[in-house]
Amino acid sequence: RAEEWWTADQLDGEVFGYQSWMIADNRTDELVDQLVRLAAD
């Protein structure tokens, strides 16, 4: 729902950091599971 590009860019960066943390901490399966569940939201 972000209307300004800088807001979307900041949120996207936060999500990328979240993904990076999940992957680096060997929680890739958990990240994939969350995305699969949210793809059916």
PDB file of all heavy atoms in Angstrom:
ATOM      1  N   ARG A   1       0.805  -1.229   0.000  1.00  0.00           N
ATOM      2  CA  ARG A   1       0.000   0.000   0.000  1.00  0.00           C
ATOM      3  C   ARG A   1       0.835   1.274   0.000  1.00  0.00           C
ATOM      4  O   ARG A   1       0.286   2.379   0.010  1.00  0.00           O
ATOM      5  CB  ARG A   1      -0.918   0.003   1.213  1.00  0.00           C
ATOM      6  CG  ARG A   1      -2.026  -1.028   1.090  1.00  0.00           C
ATOM      7  CD  ARG A   1      -2.703  -1.266   2.422  1.00  0.00           C
ATOM      8  NE  ARG A   1      -3.793  -2.218   2.324  1.00  0.00           N
ATOM      9  CZ  ARG A   1      -3.644  -3.540   2.240  1.00  0.00           C
ATOM     10  NH1 ARG A   1      -2.434  -4.075   2.219  1.00  0.00           N
ATOM     11  NH2 ARG A   1      -4.687  -4.346   2.156  1.00  0.00           N
ATOM     12  N   ALA A   2       2.143   1.133  -0.010  1.00  0.00           N
ATOM     13  CA  ALA A   2       3.025   2.304   0.028  1.00  0.00           C
ATOM     14  C   ALA A   2       2.794   3.168  -1.219  1.00  0.00           C
ATOM     15  O   ALA A   2       2.804   2.662  -2.341  1.00  0.00           O
ATOM     16  CB  ALA A   2       4.481   1.861   0.115  1.00  0.00           C
ATOM     17  N   GLU A   3       2.562   4.436  -1.004  1.00  0.00           N
ATOM     18  CA  GLU A   3       2.284   5.345  -2.116  1.00  0.00           C
ATOM     19  C   GLU A   3       3.525   6.109  -2.572  1.00  0.00           C
ATOM     20  O   GLU A   3       3.612   6.497  -3.726  1.00  0.00           O
ATOM     21  CB  GLU A   3       1.183   6.325  -1.727  1.00  0.00           C
ATOM     22  CG  GLU A   3      -0.146   5.635  -1.519  1.00  0.00           C
ATOM     23  CD  GLU A   3      -1.264   6.597  -1.208  1.00  0.00           C
ATOM     24  OE1 GLU A   3      -1.090   7.826  -1.394  1.00  0.00           O
ATOM     25  OE2 GLU A   3      -2.318   6.122  -0.768  1.00  0.00           O
ATOM     26  N   GLU A   4       4.458   6.316  -1.696  1.00  0.00           N
ATOM     27  CA  GLU A   4       5.691   7.027  -2.042  1.00  0.00           C
ATOM     28  C   GLU A   4       6.797   6.010  -2.301  1.00  0.00           C
ATOM     29  O   GLU A   4       6.920   5.016  -1.582  1.00  0.00           O
ATOM     30  CB  GLU A   4       6.108   7.962  -0.898  1.00  0.00           C
ATOM     31  CG  GLU A   4       5.040   8.972  -0.516  1.00  0.00           C
ATOM     32  CD  GLU A   4       4.749   9.990  -1.603  1.00  0.00           C
ATOM     33  OE1 GLU A   4       5.581  10.177  -2.523  1.00  0.00           O
ATOM     34  OE2 GLU A   4       3.678  10.610  -1.542  1.00  0.00           O
ATOM     35  N   TRP A   5       7.616   6.266  -3.299  1.00  0.00           N
ATOM     36  CA  TRP A   5       8.652   5.307  -3.666  1.00  0.00           C
ATOM     37  C   TRP A   5       9.641   5.081  -2.533  1.00  0.00           C
ATOM     38  O   TRP A   5      10.113   3.973  -2.326  1.00  0.00           O
ATOM     39  CB  TRP A   5       9.379   5.724  -4.951  1.00  0.00           C
ATOM     40  CG  TRP A   5      10.247   6.933  -4.808  1.00  0.00           C
ATOM     41  CD1 TRP A   5       9.906   8.219  -5.074  1.00  0.00           C
ATOM     42  CD2 TRP A   5      11.600   6.967  -4.345  1.00  0.00           C
ATOM     43  NE1 TRP A   5      10.946   9.064  -4.793  1.00  0.00           N
ATOM     44  CE2 TRP A   5      12.014   8.314  -4.348  1.00  0.00           C
ATOM     45  CE3 TRP A   5      12.507   6.001  -3.916  1.00  0.00           C
ATOM     46  CZ2 TRP A   5      13.284   8.707  -3.948  1.00  0.00           C
ATOM     47  CZ3 TRP A   5      13.771   6.403  -3.523  1.00  0.00           C
ATOM     48  CH2 TRP A   5      14.152   7.739  -3.549  1.00  0.00           C
ATOM     49  N   TRP A   6       9.942   6.138  -1.770  1.00  0.00           N
ATOM     50  CA  TRP A   6      10.925   5.992  -0.689  1.00  0.00           C
ATOM     51  C   TRP A   6      10.383   5.133   0.451  1.00  0.00           C
ATOM     52  O   TRP A   6      11.135   4.425   1.088  1.00  0.00           O
ATOM     53  CB  TRP A   6      11.436   7.334  -0.189  1.00  0.00           C
ATOM     54  CG  TRP A   6      10.366   8.290   0.254  1.00  0.00           C
ATOM     55  CD1 TRP A   6       9.736   8.330   1.478  1.00  0.00           C
ATOM     56  CD2 TRP A   6       9.764   9.320  -0.514  1.00  0.00           C
ATOM     57  NE1 TRP A   6       8.804   9.319   1.513  1.00  0.00           N
ATOM     58  CE2 TRP A   6       8.788   9.959   0.300  1.00  0.00           C
ATOM     59  CE3 TRP A   6       9.941   9.782  -1.808  1.00  0.00           C
ATOM     60  CZ2 TRP A   6       8.009  11.008  -0.141  1.00  0.00           C
ATOM     61  CZ3 TRP A   6       9.170  10.838  -2.235  1.00  0.00           C
ATOM     62  CH2 TRP A   6       8.215  11.439  -1.416  1.00  0.00           C
ATOM     63  N   THR A   7       9.096   5.177   0.659  1.00  0.00           N
ATOM     64  CA  THR A   7       8.495   4.313   1.674  1.00  0.00           C
ATOM     65  C   THR A   7       8.564   2.867   1.221  1.00  0.00           C
ATOM     66  O   THR A   7       8.967   1.978   1.983  1.00  0.00           O
ATOM     67  CB  THR A   7       7.030   4.721   1.940  1.00  0.00           C
ATOM     68  OG1 THR A   7       7.001   6.097   2.339  1.00  0.00           O
ATOM     69  CG2 THR A   7       6.403   3.857   3.016  1.00  0.00           C
ATOM     70  N   ALA A   8       8.183   2.628  -0.021  1.00  0.00           N
ATOM     71  CA  ALA A   8       8.245   1.271  -0.571  1.00  0.00           C
ATOM     72  C   ALA A   8       9.683   0.760  -0.576  1.00  0.00           C
ATOM     73  O   ALA A   8       9.942  -0.400  -0.234  1.00  0.00           O
ATOM     74  CB  ALA A   8       7.665   1.242  -1.981  1.00  0.00           C
ATOM     75  N   ASP A   9      10.629   1.628  -0.940  1.00  0.00           N
ATOM     76  CA  ASP A   9      12.034   1.242  -0.978  1.00  0.00           C
ATOM     77  C   ASP A   9      12.538   0.867   0.416  1.00  0.00           C
ATOM     78  O   ASP A   9      13.258  -0.127   0.578  1.00  0.00           O
ATOM     79  CB  ASP A   9      12.856   2.389  -1.567  1.00  0.00           C
ATOM     80  CG  ASP A   9      14.280   1.986  -1.864  1.00  0.00           C
ATOM     81  OD1 ASP A   9      14.477   0.962  -2.561  1.00  0.00           O
ATOM     82  OD2 ASP A   9      15.205   2.689  -1.406  1.00  0.00           O
ATOM     83  N   GLN A  10      12.158   1.645   1.415  1.00  0.00           N
ATOM     84  CA  GLN A  10      12.588   1.346   2.778  1.00  0.00           C
ATOM     85  C   GLN A  10      11.989   0.025   3.262  1.00  0.00           C
ATOM     86  O   GLN A  10      12.687  -0.809   3.844  1.00  0.00           O
ATOM     87  CB  GLN A  10      12.202   2.468   3.734  1.00  0.00           C
ATOM     88  CG  GLN A  10      12.640   2.187   5.163  1.00  0.00           C
ATOM     89  CD  GLN A  10      12.287   3.307   6.125  1.00  0.00           C
ATOM     90  OE1 GLN A  10      11.721   4.317   5.741  1.00  0.00           O
ATOM     91  NE2 GLN A  10      12.628   3.111   7.378  1.00  0.00           N
ATOM     92  N   LEU A  11      10.699  -0.166   3.035  1.00  0.00           N
ATOM     93  CA  LEU A  11      10.054  -1.408   3.459  1.00  0.00           C
ATOM     94  C   LEU A  11      10.637  -2.610   2.728  1.00  0.00           C
ATOM     95  O   LEU A  11      10.867  -3.667   3.320  1.00  0.00           O
ATOM     96  CB  LEU A  11       8.544  -1.325   3.243  1.00  0.00           C
ATOM     97  CG  LEU A  11       7.799  -0.392   4.184  1.00  0.00           C
ATOM     98  CD1 LEU A  11       6.365  -0.204   3.716  1.00  0.00           C
ATOM     99  CD2 LEU A  11       7.836  -0.922   5.608  1.00  0.00           C
ATOM    100  N   ASP A  12      10.888  -2.446   1.431  1.00  0.00           N
ATOM    101  CA  ASP A  12      11.474  -3.535   0.653  1.00  0.00           C
ATOM    102  C   ASP A  12      12.854  -3.896   1.201  1.00  0.00           C
ATOM    103  O   ASP A  12      13.208  -5.065   1.311  1.00  0.00           O
ATOM    104  CB  ASP A  12      11.549  -3.140  -0.817  1.00  0.00           C
ATOM    105  CG  ASP A  12      11.635  -4.323  -1.745  1.00  0.00           C
ATOM    106  OD1 ASP A  12      10.835  -5.273  -1.568  1.00  0.00           O
ATOM    107  OD2 ASP A  12      12.486  -4.313  -2.648  1.00  0.00           O
ATOM    108  N   GLY A  13      13.626  -2.880   1.576  1.00  0.00           N
ATOM    109  CA  GLY A  13      14.942  -3.121   2.167  1.00  0.00           C
ATOM    110  C   GLY A  13      14.844  -3.857   3.495  1.00  0.00           C
ATOM    111  O   GLY A  13      15.656  -4.734   3.794  1.00  0.00           O
ATOM    112  N   GLU A  14      13.841  -3.511   4.288  1.00  0.00           N
ATOM    113  CA  GLU A  14      13.638  -4.199   5.566  1.00  0.00           C
ATOM    114  C   GLU A  14      13.290  -5.672   5.335  1.00  0.00           C
ATOM    115  O   GLU A  14      13.792  -6.556   6.041  1.00  0.00           O
ATOM    116  CB  GLU A  14      12.545  -3.517   6.386  1.00  0.00           C
ATOM    117  CG  GLU A  14      12.881  -2.120   6.837  1.00  0.00           C
ATOM    118  CD  GLU A  14      14.066  -2.057   7.779  1.00  0.00           C
ATOM    119  OE1 GLU A  14      14.253  -2.994   8.576  1.00  0.00           O
ATOM    120  OE2 GLU A  14      14.804  -1.063   7.723  1.00  0.00           O
ATOM    121  N   VAL A  15      12.440  -5.925   4.368  1.00  0.00           N
ATOM    122  CA  VAL A  15      12.065  -7.306   4.056  1.00  0.00           C
ATOM    123  C   VAL A  15      13.274  -8.072   3.537  1.00  0.00           C
ATOM    124  O   VAL A  15      13.498  -9.224   3.904  1.00  0.00           O
ATOM    125  CB  VAL A  15      10.891  -7.364   3.050  1.00  0.00           C
ATOM    126  CG1 VAL A  15      10.640  -8.789   2.582  1.00  0.00           C
ATOM    127  CG2 VAL A  15       9.636  -6.772   3.672  1.00  0.00           C
ATOM    128  N   PHE A  16      14.106  -7.426   2.702  1.00  0.00           N
ATOM    129  CA  PHE A  16      15.313  -8.079   2.210  1.00  0.00           C
ATOM    130  C   PHE A  16      16.233  -8.444   3.373  1.00  0.00           C
ATOM    131  O   PHE A  16      16.789  -9.537   3.426  1.00  0.00           O
ATOM    132  CB  PHE A  16      16.058  -7.192   1.214  1.00  0.00           C
ATOM    133  CG  PHE A  16      17.344  -7.795   0.738  1.00  0.00           C
ATOM    134  CD1 PHE A  16      17.348  -8.831  -0.176  1.00  0.00           C
ATOM    135  CD2 PHE A  16      18.554  -7.344   1.239  1.00  0.00           C
ATOM    136  CE1 PHE A  16      18.544  -9.403  -0.591  1.00  0.00           C
ATOM    137  CE2 PHE A  16      19.747  -7.909   0.830  1.00  0.00           C
ATOM    138  CZ  PHE A  16      19.745  -8.944  -0.093  1.00  0.00           C
ATOM    139  N   GLY A  17      16.375  -7.529   4.339  1.00  0.00           N
ATOM    140  CA  GLY A  17      17.190  -7.819   5.525  1.00  0.00           C
ATOM    141  C   GLY A  17      16.622  -8.981   6.322  1.00  0.00           C
ATOM    142  O   GLY A  17      17.358  -9.813   6.850  1.00  0.00           O
ATOM    143  N   TYR A  18      15.311  -9.040   6.401  1.00  0.00           N
ATOM    144  CA  TYR A  18      14.636 -10.139   7.095  1.00  0.00           C
ATOM    145  C   TYR A  18      14.937 -11.460   6.386  1.00  0.00           C
ATOM    146  O   TYR A  18      15.311 -12.443   7.024  1.00  0.00           O
ATOM    147  CB  TYR A  18      13.135  -9.871   7.104  1.00  0.00           C
ATOM    148  CG  TYR A  18      12.277 -10.964   7.711  1.00  0.00           C
ATOM    149  CD1 TYR A  18      12.242 -11.163   9.080  1.00  0.00           C
ATOM    150  CD2 TYR A  18      11.482 -11.775   6.901  1.00  0.00           C
ATOM    151  CE1 TYR A  18      11.436 -12.146   9.647  1.00  0.00           C
ATOM    152  CE2 TYR A  18      10.676 -12.755   7.466  1.00  0.00           C
ATOM    153  CZ  TYR A  18      10.655 -12.933   8.823  1.00  0.00           C
ATOM    154  OH  TYR A  18       9.854 -13.898   9.372  1.00  0.00           O
ATOM    155  N   GLN A  19      14.818 -11.453   5.066  1.00  0.00           N
ATOM    156  CA  GLN A  19      15.120 -12.663   4.305  1.00  0.00           C
ATOM    157  C   GLN A  19      16.574 -13.069   4.506  1.00  0.00           C
ATOM    158  O   GLN A  19      16.874 -14.241   4.692  1.00  0.00           O
ATOM    159  CB  GLN A  19      14.877 -12.436   2.810  1.00  0.00           C
ATOM    160  CG  GLN A  19      13.451 -12.333   2.405  1.00  0.00           C
ATOM    161  CD  GLN A  19      13.323 -12.111   0.925  1.00  0.00           C
ATOM    162  OE1 GLN A  19      14.060 -11.327   0.322  1.00  0.00           O
ATOM    163  NE2 GLN A  19      12.387 -12.793   0.325  1.00  0.00           N
ATOM    164  N   SER A  20      17.469 -12.095   4.465  1.00  0.00           N
ATOM    165  CA  SER A  20      18.891 -12.385   4.633  1.00  0.00           C
ATOM    166  C   SER A  20      19.168 -13.004   5.990  1.00  0.00           C
ATOM    167  O   SER A  20      19.943 -13.951   6.110  1.00  0.00           O
ATOM    168  CB  SER A  20      19.718 -11.104   4.468  1.00  0.00           C
ATOM    169  OG  SER A  20      19.573 -10.591   3.175  1.00  0.00           O
ATOM    170  N   TRP A  21      18.515 -12.478   7.023  1.00  0.00           N
ATOM    171  CA  TRP A  21      18.698 -13.025   8.371  1.00  0.00           C
ATOM    172  C   TRP A  21      18.187 -14.461   8.422  1.00  0.00           C
ATOM    173  O   TRP A  21      18.837 -15.349   8.972  1.00  0.00           O
ATOM    174  CB  TRP A  21      17.957 -12.162   9.393  1.00  0.00           C
ATOM    175  CG  TRP A  21      17.878 -12.830  10.724  1.00  0.00           C
ATOM    176  CD1 TRP A  21      18.834 -12.830  11.687  1.00  0.00           C
ATOM    177  CD2 TRP A  21      16.804 -13.630  11.210  1.00  0.00           C
ATOM    178  NE1 TRP A  21      18.418 -13.588  12.756  1.00  0.00           N
ATOM    179  CE2 TRP A  21      17.173 -14.094  12.486  1.00  0.00           C
ATOM    180  CE3 TRP A  21      15.579 -14.021  10.702  1.00  0.00           C
ATOM    181  CZ2 TRP A  21      16.352 -14.906  13.252  1.00  0.00           C
ATOM    182  CZ3 TRP A  21      14.763 -14.830  11.463  1.00  0.00           C
ATOM    183  CH2 TRP A  21      15.148 -15.261  12.723  1.00  0.00           C
ATOM    184  N   MET A  22      17.005 -14.698   7.856  1.00  0.00           N
ATOM    185  CA  MET A  22      16.417 -16.047   7.883  1.00  0.00           C
ATOM    186  C   MET A  22      17.326 -17.047   7.174  1.00  0.00           C
ATOM    187  O   MET A  22      17.560 -18.138   7.666  1.00  0.00           O
ATOM    188  CB  MET A  22      15.040 -16.050   7.225  1.00  0.00           C
ATOM    189  CG  MET A  22      13.993 -15.222   7.943  1.00  0.00           C
ATOM    190  SD  MET A  22      13.334 -15.999   9.419  1.00  0.00           S
ATOM    191  CE  MET A  22      12.197 -17.159   8.716  1.00  0.00           C
ATOM    192  N   ILE A  23      17.853 -16.646   6.025  1.00  0.00           N
ATOM    193  CA  ILE A  23      18.698 -17.543   5.247  1.00  0.00           C
ATOM    194  C   ILE A  23      20.028 -17.776   5.974  1.00  0.00           C
ATOM    195  O   ILE A  23      20.494 -18.908   6.075  1.00  0.00           O
ATOM    196  CB  ILE A  23      18.911 -16.977   3.833  1.00  0.00           C
ATOM    197  CG1 ILE A  23      17.577 -17.039   3.068  1.00  0.00           C
ATOM    198  CG2 ILE A  23      20.000 -17.731   3.092  1.00  0.00           C
ATOM    199  CD1 ILE A  23      17.554 -16.239   1.785  1.00  0.00           C
ATOM    200  N   ALA A  24      20.632 -16.702   6.488  1.00  0.00           N
ATOM    201  CA  ALA A  24      21.922 -16.812   7.176  1.00  0.00           C
ATOM    202  C   ALA A  24      21.819 -17.652   8.442  1.00  0.00           C
ATOM    203  O   ALA A  24      22.790 -18.275   8.854  1.00  0.00           O
ATOM    204  CB  ALA A  24      22.464 -15.421   7.506  1.00  0.00           C
ATOM    205  N   ASP A  25      20.658 -17.671   9.051  1.00  0.00           N
ATOM    206  CA  ASP A  25      20.465 -18.411  10.297  1.00  0.00           C
ATOM    207  C   ASP A  25      19.900 -19.812  10.041  1.00  0.00           C
ATOM    208  O   ASP A  25      19.327 -20.424  10.937  1.00  0.00           O
ATOM    209  CB  ASP A  25      19.534 -17.609  11.213  1.00  0.00           C
ATOM    210  CG  ASP A  25      19.798 -17.864  12.684  1.00  0.00           C
ATOM    211  OD1 ASP A  25      20.924 -18.265  13.036  1.00  0.00           O
ATOM    212  OD2 ASP A  25      18.860 -17.676  13.477  1.00  0.00           O
ATOM    213  N   ASN A  26      20.042 -20.291   8.781  1.00  0.00           N
ATOM    214  CA  ASN A  26      19.565 -21.623   8.387  1.00  0.00           C
ATOM    215  C   ASN A  26      18.076 -21.816   8.646  1.00  0.00           C
ATOM    216  O   ASN A  26      17.637 -22.892   9.033  1.00  0.00           O
ATOM    217  CB  ASN A  26      20.372 -22.718   9.082  1.00  0.00           C
ATOM    218  CG  ASN A  26      21.800 -22.741   8.604  1.00  0.00           C
ATOM    219  OD1 ASN A  26      22.063 -22.547   7.423  1.00  0.00           O
ATOM    220  ND2 ASN A  26      22.727 -22.960   9.509  1.00  0.00           N
ATOM    221  N   ARG A  27      17.298 -20.753   8.436  1.00  0.00           N
ATOM    222  CA  ARG A  27      15.849 -20.835   8.617  1.00  0.00           C
ATOM    223  C   ARG A  27      15.141 -20.651   7.277  1.00  0.00           C
ATOM    224  O   ARG A  27      14.029 -20.158   7.212  1.00  0.00           O
ATOM    225  CB  ARG A  27      15.398 -19.790   9.630  1.00  0.00           C
ATOM    226  CG  ARG A  27      15.959 -20.095  11.020  1.00  0.00           C
ATOM    227  CD  ARG A  27      15.653 -19.040  12.012  1.00  0.00           C
ATOM    228  NE  ARG A  27      14.243 -19.096  12.395  1.00  0.00           N
ATOM    229  CZ  ARG A  27      13.721 -18.356  13.356  1.00  0.00           C
ATOM    230  NH1 ARG A  27      14.478 -17.519  14.029  1.00  0.00           N
ATOM    231  NH2 ARG A  27      12.456 -18.437  13.656  1.00  0.00           N
ATOM    232  N   THR A  28      15.816 -21.068   6.201  1.00  0.00           N
ATOM    233  CA  THR A  28      15.260 -20.919   4.860  1.00  0.00           C
ATOM    234  C   THR A  28      13.907 -21.601   4.745  1.00  0.00           C
ATOM    235  O   THR A  28      12.979 -21.042   4.152  1.00  0.00           O
ATOM    236  CB  THR A  28      16.235 -21.486   3.804  1.00  0.00           C
ATOM    237  OG1 THR A  28      17.502 -20.833   3.965  1.00  0.00           O
ATOM    238  CG2 THR A  28      15.723 -21.257   2.401  1.00  0.00           C
ATOM    239  N   ASP A  29      13.765 -22.798   5.315  1.00  0.00           N
ATOM    240  CA  ASP A  29      12.492 -23.512   5.243  1.00  0.00           C
ATOM    241  C   ASP A  29      11.373 -22.711   5.903  1.00  0.00           C
ATOM    242  O   ASP A  29      10.251 -22.686   5.411  1.00  0.00           O
ATOM    243  CB  ASP A  29      12.591 -24.892   5.895  1.00  0.00           C
ATOM    244  CG  ASP A  29      13.467 -25.847   5.112  1.00  0.00           C
ATOM    245  OD1 ASP A  29      13.719 -25.589   3.916  1.00  0.00           O
ATOM    246  OD2 ASP A  29      13.908 -26.846   5.694  1.00  0.00           O
ATOM    247  N   GLU A  30      11.696 -22.054   7.003  1.00  0.00           N
ATOM    248  CA  GLU A  30      10.703 -21.245   7.701  1.00  0.00           C
ATOM    249  C   GLU A  30      10.285 -20.043   6.842  1.00  0.00           C
ATOM    250  O   GLU A  30       9.105 -19.709   6.756  1.00  0.00           O
ATOM    251  CB  GLU A  30      11.272 -20.766   9.034  1.00  0.00           C
ATOM    252  CG  GLU A  30      10.268 -20.075   9.906  1.00  0.00           C
ATOM    253  CD  GLU A  30      10.855 -19.724  11.269  1.00  0.00           C
ATOM    254  OE1 GLU A  30      11.821 -20.365  11.711  1.00  0.00           O
ATOM    255  OE2 GLU A  30      10.327 -18.787  11.881  1.00  0.00           O
ATOM    256  N   LEU A  31      11.256 -19.408   6.191  1.00  0.00           N
ATOM    257  CA  LEU A  31      10.961 -18.291   5.304  1.00  0.00           C
ATOM    258  C   LEU A  31      10.090 -18.747   4.141  1.00  0.00           C
ATOM    259  O   LEU A  31       9.079 -18.114   3.832  1.00  0.00           O
ATOM    260  CB  LEU A  31      12.250 -17.667   4.776  1.00  0.00           C
ATOM    261  CG  LEU A  31      12.078 -16.591   3.709  1.00  0.00           C
ATOM    262  CD1 LEU A  31      11.296 -15.406   4.251  1.00  0.00           C
ATOM    263  CD2 LEU A  31      13.437 -16.157   3.190  1.00  0.00           C
ATOM    264  N   VAL A  32      10.454 -19.849   3.522  1.00  0.00           N
ATOM    265  CA  VAL A  32       9.667 -20.380   2.405  1.00  0.00           C
ATOM    266  C   VAL A  32       8.256 -20.700   2.868  1.00  0.00           C
ATOM    267  O   VAL A  32       7.280 -20.369   2.183  1.00  0.00           O
ATOM    268  CB  VAL A  32      10.357 -21.621   1.786  1.00  0.00           C
ATOM    269  CG1 VAL A  32       9.439 -22.324   0.802  1.00  0.00           C
ATOM    270  CG2 VAL A  32      11.670 -21.224   1.128  1.00  0.00           C
ATOM    271  N   ASP A  33       8.127 -21.312   4.028  1.00  0.00           N
ATOM    272  CA  ASP A  33       6.802 -21.639   4.568  1.00  0.00           C
ATOM    273  C   ASP A  33       5.974 -20.372   4.784  1.00  0.00           C
ATOM    274  O   ASP A  33       4.791 -20.333   4.437  1.00  0.00           O
ATOM    275  CB  ASP A  33       6.940 -22.412   5.876  1.00  0.00           C
ATOM    276  CG  ASP A  33       5.595 -22.751   6.483  1.00  0.00           C
ATOM    277  OD1 ASP A  33       4.789 -23.423   5.795  1.00  0.00           O
ATOM    278  OD2 ASP A  33       5.331 -22.350   7.636  1.00  0.00           O
ATOM    279  N   GLN A  34       6.579 -19.340   5.332  1.00  0.00           N
ATOM    280  CA  GLN A  34       5.852 -18.089   5.554  1.00  0.00           C
ATOM    281  C   GLN A  34       5.388 -17.491   4.229  1.00  0.00           C
ATOM    282  O   GLN A  34       4.240 -17.054   4.102  1.00  0.00           O
ATOM    283  CB  GLN A  34       6.723 -17.089   6.309  1.00  0.00           C
ATOM    284  CG  GLN A  34       6.925 -17.442   7.759  1.00  0.00           C
ATOM    285  CD  GLN A  34       7.790 -16.431   8.487  1.00  0.00           C
ATOM    286  OE1 GLN A  34       8.223 -15.421   7.935  1.00  0.00           O
ATOM    287  NE2 GLN A  34       8.070 -16.713   9.757  1.00  0.00           N
ATOM    288  N   LEU A  35       6.253 -17.478   3.230  1.00  0.00           N
ATOM    289  CA  LEU A  35       5.885 -16.909   1.931  1.00  0.00           C
ATOM    290  C   LEU A  35       4.794 -17.728   1.247  1.00  0.00           C
ATOM    291  O   LEU A  35       3.873 -17.160   0.648  1.00  0.00           O
ATOM    292  CB  LEU A  35       7.119 -16.788   1.032  1.00  0.00           C
ATOM    293  CG  LEU A  35       8.146 -15.746   1.478  1.00  0.00           C
ATOM    294  CD1 LEU A  35       9.391 -15.821   0.618  1.00  0.00           C
ATOM    295  CD2 LEU A  35       7.551 -14.345   1.458  1.00  0.00           C
ATOM    296  N   VAL A  36       4.862 -19.045   1.360  1.00  0.00           N
ATOM    297  CA  VAL A  36       3.819 -19.903   0.775  1.00  0.00           C
ATOM    298  C   VAL A  36       2.479 -19.620   1.442  1.00  0.00           C
ATOM    299  O   VAL A  36       1.456 -19.487   0.772  1.00  0.00           O
ATOM    300  CB  VAL A  36       4.199 -21.399   0.898  1.00  0.00           C
ATOM    301  CG1 VAL A  36       3.023 -22.308   0.611  1.00  0.00           C
ATOM    302  CG2 VAL A  36       5.357 -21.718  -0.033  1.00  0.00           C
ATOM    303  N   ARG A  37       2.498 -19.530   2.756  1.00  0.00           N
ATOM    304  CA  ARG A  37       1.251 -19.248   3.478  1.00  0.00           C
ATOM    305  C   ARG A  37       0.699 -17.875   3.123  1.00  0.00           C
ATOM    306  O   ARG A  37      -0.508 -17.706   2.923  1.00  0.00           O
ATOM    307  CB  ARG A  37       1.471 -19.377   4.975  1.00  0.00           C
ATOM    308  CG  ARG A  37       1.743 -20.839   5.378  1.00  0.00           C
ATOM    309  CD  ARG A  37       2.076 -20.997   6.819  1.00  0.00           C
ATOM    310  NE  ARG A  37       0.930 -20.628   7.652  1.00  0.00           N
ATOM    311  CZ  ARG A  37       0.993 -20.485   8.966  1.00  0.00           C
ATOM    312  NH1 ARG A  37       2.131 -20.676   9.592  1.00  0.00           N
ATOM    313  NH2 ARG A  37      -0.078 -20.155   9.651  1.00  0.00           N
ATOM    314  N   LEU A  38       1.575 -16.890   2.986  1.00  0.00           N
ATOM    315  CA  LEU A  38       1.120 -15.543   2.662  1.00  0.00           C
ATOM    316  C   LEU A  38       0.711 -15.408   1.198  1.00  0.00           C
ATOM    317  O   LEU A  38      -0.083 -14.526   0.852  1.00  0.00           O
ATOM    318  CB  LEU A  38       2.195 -14.518   3.027  1.00  0.00           C
ATOM    319  CG  LEU A  38       2.413 -14.366   4.531  1.00  0.00           C
ATOM    320  CD1 LEU A  38       3.621 -13.483   4.810  1.00  0.00           C
ATOM    321  CD2 LEU A  38       1.169 -13.822   5.214  1.00  0.00           C
ATOM    322  N   ALA A  39       1.202 -16.282   0.339  1.00  0.00           N
ATOM    323  CA  ALA A  39       0.790 -16.273  -1.070  1.00  0.00           C
ATOM    324  C   ALA A  39      -0.665 -16.698  -1.227  1.00  0.00           C
ATOM    325  O   ALA A  39      -1.253 -16.516  -2.296  1.00  0.00           O
ATOM    326  CB  ALA A  39       1.709 -17.175  -1.889  1.00  0.00           C
ATOM    327  N   ALA A  40      -1.254 -17.238  -0.166  1.00  0.00           N
ATOM    328  CA  ALA A  40      -2.669 -17.625  -0.176  1.00  0.00           C
ATOM    329  C   ALA A  40      -3.497 -16.716   0.736  1.00  0.00           C
ATOM    330  O   ALA A  40      -4.641 -17.040   1.048  1.00  0.00           O
ATOM    331  CB  ALA A  40      -2.802 -19.086   0.261  1.00  0.00           C
ATOM    332  N   ASP A  41      -2.936 -15.587   1.128  1.00  0.00           N
ATOM    333  CA  ASP A  41      -3.615 -14.660   2.043  1.00  0.00           C
ATOM    334  C   ASP A  41      -4.865 -14.075   1.388  1.00  0.00           C
ATOM    335  O   ASP A  41      -4.958 -13.968   0.169  1.00  0.00           O
ATOM    336  CB  ASP A  41      -2.656 -13.527   2.422  1.00  0.00           C
ATOM    337  CG  ASP A  41      -3.110 -12.762   3.642  1.00  0.00           C
ATOM    338  OD1 ASP A  41      -2.789 -13.204   4.757  1.00  0.00           O
ATOM    339  OD2 ASP A  41      -3.799 -11.741   3.475  1.00  0.00           O
TER     340      ASP A  41
END
